[in-house]
Amino acid sequence: VVYSPEAERKIALYTEMGFDELPICMAKTQYSFTADAAKKGVPKGFTLPIKDVRVSVGAGFIYPLCGTMSTMPGLPTRPAFYDVDVDPKTGKVQGLF
C-alpha cells in the first residue's frame, strides 16, 4: 500500500478527531483486488495506491479512495424539491435554479 501525501494528512486528521476506530470500506474497482480494472481477478505483486481518505461520520465508516476511483456526492439534509413551486398567477415554475 502506498499513501499519497493527502491521504496521510487525512489519516492523521481523522485519528486526531477520534475516527480512527471506524470500520473501513474500500472505494476501488470491483474487477480486481488492485486499483487497476484491467488487472482482472487476483493478480500478485501489485501496489495499492491510496490517493485520498474520506470519512462518512453519519454512516459510520472511513473510505480510502484507490487509484482513480470517483464517488457520488451525498444528499443534503433538506431536499431541494421543498423550494420548487408553481406560481398560480403565471403558471411558471419557481425555485429550480
C-alpha atoms as a PDB file:
ATOM      1  CA  VAL A   1       0.000   0.000   0.000  1.00  0.00           C
ATOM      2  CA  VAL A   2       1.273   3.455  -0.950  1.00  0.00           C
ATOM      3  CA  TYR A   3      -0.402   6.540   0.544  1.00  0.00           C
ATOM      4  CA  SER A   4      -0.393   9.931  -1.163  1.00  0.00           C
ATOM      5  CA  PRO A   5       0.565  12.940   0.993  1.00  0.00           C
ATOM      6  CA  GLU A   6      -3.135  13.951   1.018  1.00  0.00           C
ATOM      7  CA  ALA A   7      -4.172  10.503   2.258  1.00  0.00           C
ATOM      8  CA  GLU A   8      -1.557  10.596   5.023  1.00  0.00           C
ATOM      9  CA  ARG A   9      -2.739  14.078   6.072  1.00  0.00           C
ATOM     10  CA  LYS A  10      -6.358  12.899   6.244  1.00  0.00           C
ATOM     11  CA  ILE A  11      -5.427   9.778   8.232  1.00  0.00           C
ATOM     12  CA  ALA A  12      -3.675  11.974  10.800  1.00  0.00           C
ATOM     13  CA  LEU A  13      -6.651  14.363  10.908  1.00  0.00           C
ATOM     14  CA  TYR A  14      -9.246  11.609  11.318  1.00  0.00           C
ATOM     15  CA  THR A  15      -7.138   9.963  14.014  1.00  0.00           C
ATOM     16  CA  GLU A  16      -6.936  13.282  15.864  1.00  0.00           C
ATOM     17  CA  MET A  17     -10.713  13.677  15.535  1.00  0.00           C
ATOM     18  CA  GLY A  18     -11.289  10.229  17.048  1.00  0.00           C
ATOM     19  CA  PHE A  19     -12.498   8.492  13.879  1.00  0.00           C
ATOM     20  CA  ASP A  20      -9.615   6.009  13.771  1.00  0.00           C
ATOM     21  CA  GLU A  21     -11.743   3.192  15.223  1.00  0.00           C
ATOM     22  CA  LEU A  22     -14.404   3.379  12.482  1.00  0.00           C
ATOM     23  CA  PRO A  23     -14.643   0.450  10.044  1.00  0.00           C
ATOM     24  CA  ILE A  24     -13.076   0.826   6.604  1.00  0.00           C
ATOM     25  CA  CYS A  25     -14.883   0.404   3.288  1.00  0.00           C
ATOM     26  CA  MET A  26     -12.502   0.433   0.306  1.00  0.00           C
ATOM     27  CA  ALA A  27     -13.524   2.526  -2.712  1.00  0.00           C
ATOM     28  CA  LYS A  28     -11.905   0.695  -5.637  1.00  0.00           C
ATOM     29  CA  THR A  29     -12.720  -1.116  -8.848  1.00  0.00           C
ATOM     30  CA  GLN A  30     -14.910  -4.188  -8.470  1.00  0.00           C
ATOM     31  CA  TYR A  31     -12.996  -6.037 -11.177  1.00  0.00           C
ATOM     32  CA  SER A  32      -9.736  -6.615  -9.328  1.00  0.00           C
ATOM     33  CA  PHE A  33      -8.099  -6.665  -5.915  1.00  0.00           C
ATOM     34  CA  THR A  34      -5.833  -3.952  -7.345  1.00  0.00           C
ATOM     35  CA  ALA A  35      -6.827  -0.376  -8.196  1.00  0.00           C
ATOM     36  CA  ASP A  36      -6.470  -1.230 -11.905  1.00  0.00           C
ATOM     37  CA  ALA A  37      -9.645  -2.605 -13.518  1.00  0.00           C
ATOM     38  CA  ALA A  38      -7.543  -4.064 -16.362  1.00  0.00           C
ATOM     39  CA  LYS A  39      -5.810  -6.450 -13.933  1.00  0.00           C
ATOM     40  CA  LYS A  40      -8.731  -8.802 -13.539  1.00  0.00           C
ATOM     41  CA  GLY A  41      -9.100 -11.338 -10.775  1.00  0.00           C
ATOM     42  CA  VAL A  42      -6.408 -11.858  -8.159  1.00  0.00           C
ATOM     43  CA  PRO A  43      -3.058 -10.645  -9.524  1.00  0.00           C
ATOM     44  CA  LYS A  44       0.082 -10.942  -7.408  1.00  0.00           C
ATOM     45  CA  GLY A  45       2.841  -8.470  -6.628  1.00  0.00           C
ATOM     46  CA  PHE A  46       0.883  -5.233  -7.033  1.00  0.00           C
ATOM     47  CA  THR A  47       0.932  -1.966  -5.078  1.00  0.00           C
ATOM     48  CA  LEU A  48      -2.366  -0.477  -3.950  1.00  0.00           C
ATOM     49  CA  PRO A  49      -2.277   3.342  -4.271  1.00  0.00           C
ATOM     50  CA  ILE A  50      -4.439   5.261  -1.774  1.00  0.00           C
ATOM     51  CA  LYS A  51      -4.912   8.744  -3.236  1.00  0.00           C
ATOM     52  CA  ASP A  52      -7.318  10.114  -0.608  1.00  0.00           C
ATOM     53  CA  VAL A  53      -9.161   9.038   2.525  1.00  0.00           C
ATOM     54  CA  ARG A  54     -12.643  10.282   3.386  1.00  0.00           C
ATOM     55  CA  VAL A  55     -14.972   9.712   6.308  1.00  0.00           C
ATOM     56  CA  SER A  56     -18.760   9.313   6.366  1.00  0.00           C
ATOM     57  CA  VAL A  57     -19.367  10.090  10.009  1.00  0.00           C
ATOM     58  CA  GLY A  58     -23.149   9.693   9.803  1.00  0.00           C
ATOM     59  CA  ALA A  59     -22.854   6.310   8.098  1.00  0.00           C
ATOM     60  CA  GLY A  60     -20.017   5.377  10.448  1.00  0.00           C
ATOM     61  CA  PHE A  61     -17.132   4.400   8.178  1.00  0.00           C
ATOM     62  CA  ILE A  62     -13.880   5.587   6.601  1.00  0.00           C
ATOM     63  CA  TYR A  63     -13.306   5.016   2.904  1.00  0.00           C
ATOM     64  CA  PRO A  64      -9.908   5.149   1.217  1.00  0.00           C
ATOM     65  CA  LEU A  65     -10.027   6.043  -2.498  1.00  0.00           C
ATOM     66  CA  CYS A  66      -7.828   3.708  -4.532  1.00  0.00           C
ATOM     67  CA  GLY A  67      -6.423   4.707  -7.912  1.00  0.00           C
ATOM     68  CA  THR A  68      -8.740   6.880  -9.990  1.00  0.00           C
ATOM     69  CA  MET A  69     -11.952   5.971  -8.148  1.00  0.00           C
ATOM     70  CA  SER A  70     -14.615   8.684  -8.090  1.00  0.00           C
ATOM     71  CA  THR A  71     -17.515   8.939  -5.681  1.00  0.00           C
ATOM     72  CA  MET A  72     -21.060  10.235  -5.840  1.00  0.00           C
ATOM     73  CA  PRO A  73     -21.934  13.327  -3.839  1.00  0.00           C
ATOM     74  CA  GLY A  74     -24.040  12.906  -0.727  1.00  0.00           C
ATOM     75  CA  LEU A  75     -27.547  14.224  -0.499  1.00  0.00           C
ATOM     76  CA  PRO A  76     -28.390  17.340   1.517  1.00  0.00           C
ATOM     77  CA  THR A  77     -30.357  17.035   4.747  1.00  0.00           C
ATOM     78  CA  ARG A  78     -33.121  19.172   3.224  1.00  0.00           C
ATOM     79  CA  PRO A  79     -34.204  18.075  -0.288  1.00  0.00           C
ATOM     80  CA  ALA A  80     -34.212  20.821  -2.942  1.00  0.00           C
ATOM     81  CA  PHE A  81     -37.753  19.960  -4.067  1.00  0.00           C
ATOM     82  CA  TYR A  82     -39.042  21.820  -0.987  1.00  0.00           C
ATOM     83  CA  ASP A  83     -38.057  25.047  -2.767  1.00  0.00           C
ATOM     84  CA  VAL A  84     -39.768  24.231  -6.090  1.00  0.00           C
ATOM     85  CA  ASP A  85     -43.267  25.546  -6.708  1.00  0.00           C
ATOM     86  CA  VAL A  86     -45.578  26.778  -9.439  1.00  0.00           C
ATOM     87  CA  ASP A  87     -46.712  30.390  -9.342  1.00  0.00           C
ATOM     88  CA  PRO A  88     -50.550  30.136  -9.589  1.00  0.00           C
ATOM     89  CA  LYS A  89     -50.824  33.529 -11.300  1.00  0.00           C
ATOM     90  CA  THR A  90     -48.237  32.984 -14.041  1.00  0.00           C
ATOM     91  CA  GLY A  91     -48.014  29.171 -14.181  1.00  0.00           C
ATOM     92  CA  LYS A  92     -44.213  29.453 -14.094  1.00  0.00           C
ATOM     93  CA  VAL A  93     -42.046  27.103 -12.113  1.00  0.00           C
ATOM     94  CA  GLN A  94     -40.083  28.785  -9.342  1.00  0.00           C
ATOM     95  CA  GLY A  95     -37.087  27.608  -7.335  1.00  0.00           C
ATOM     96  CA  LEU A  96     -35.383  25.335  -9.834  1.00  0.00           C
ATOM     97  CA  PHE A  97     -32.245  27.463 -10.135  1.00  0.00           C
END
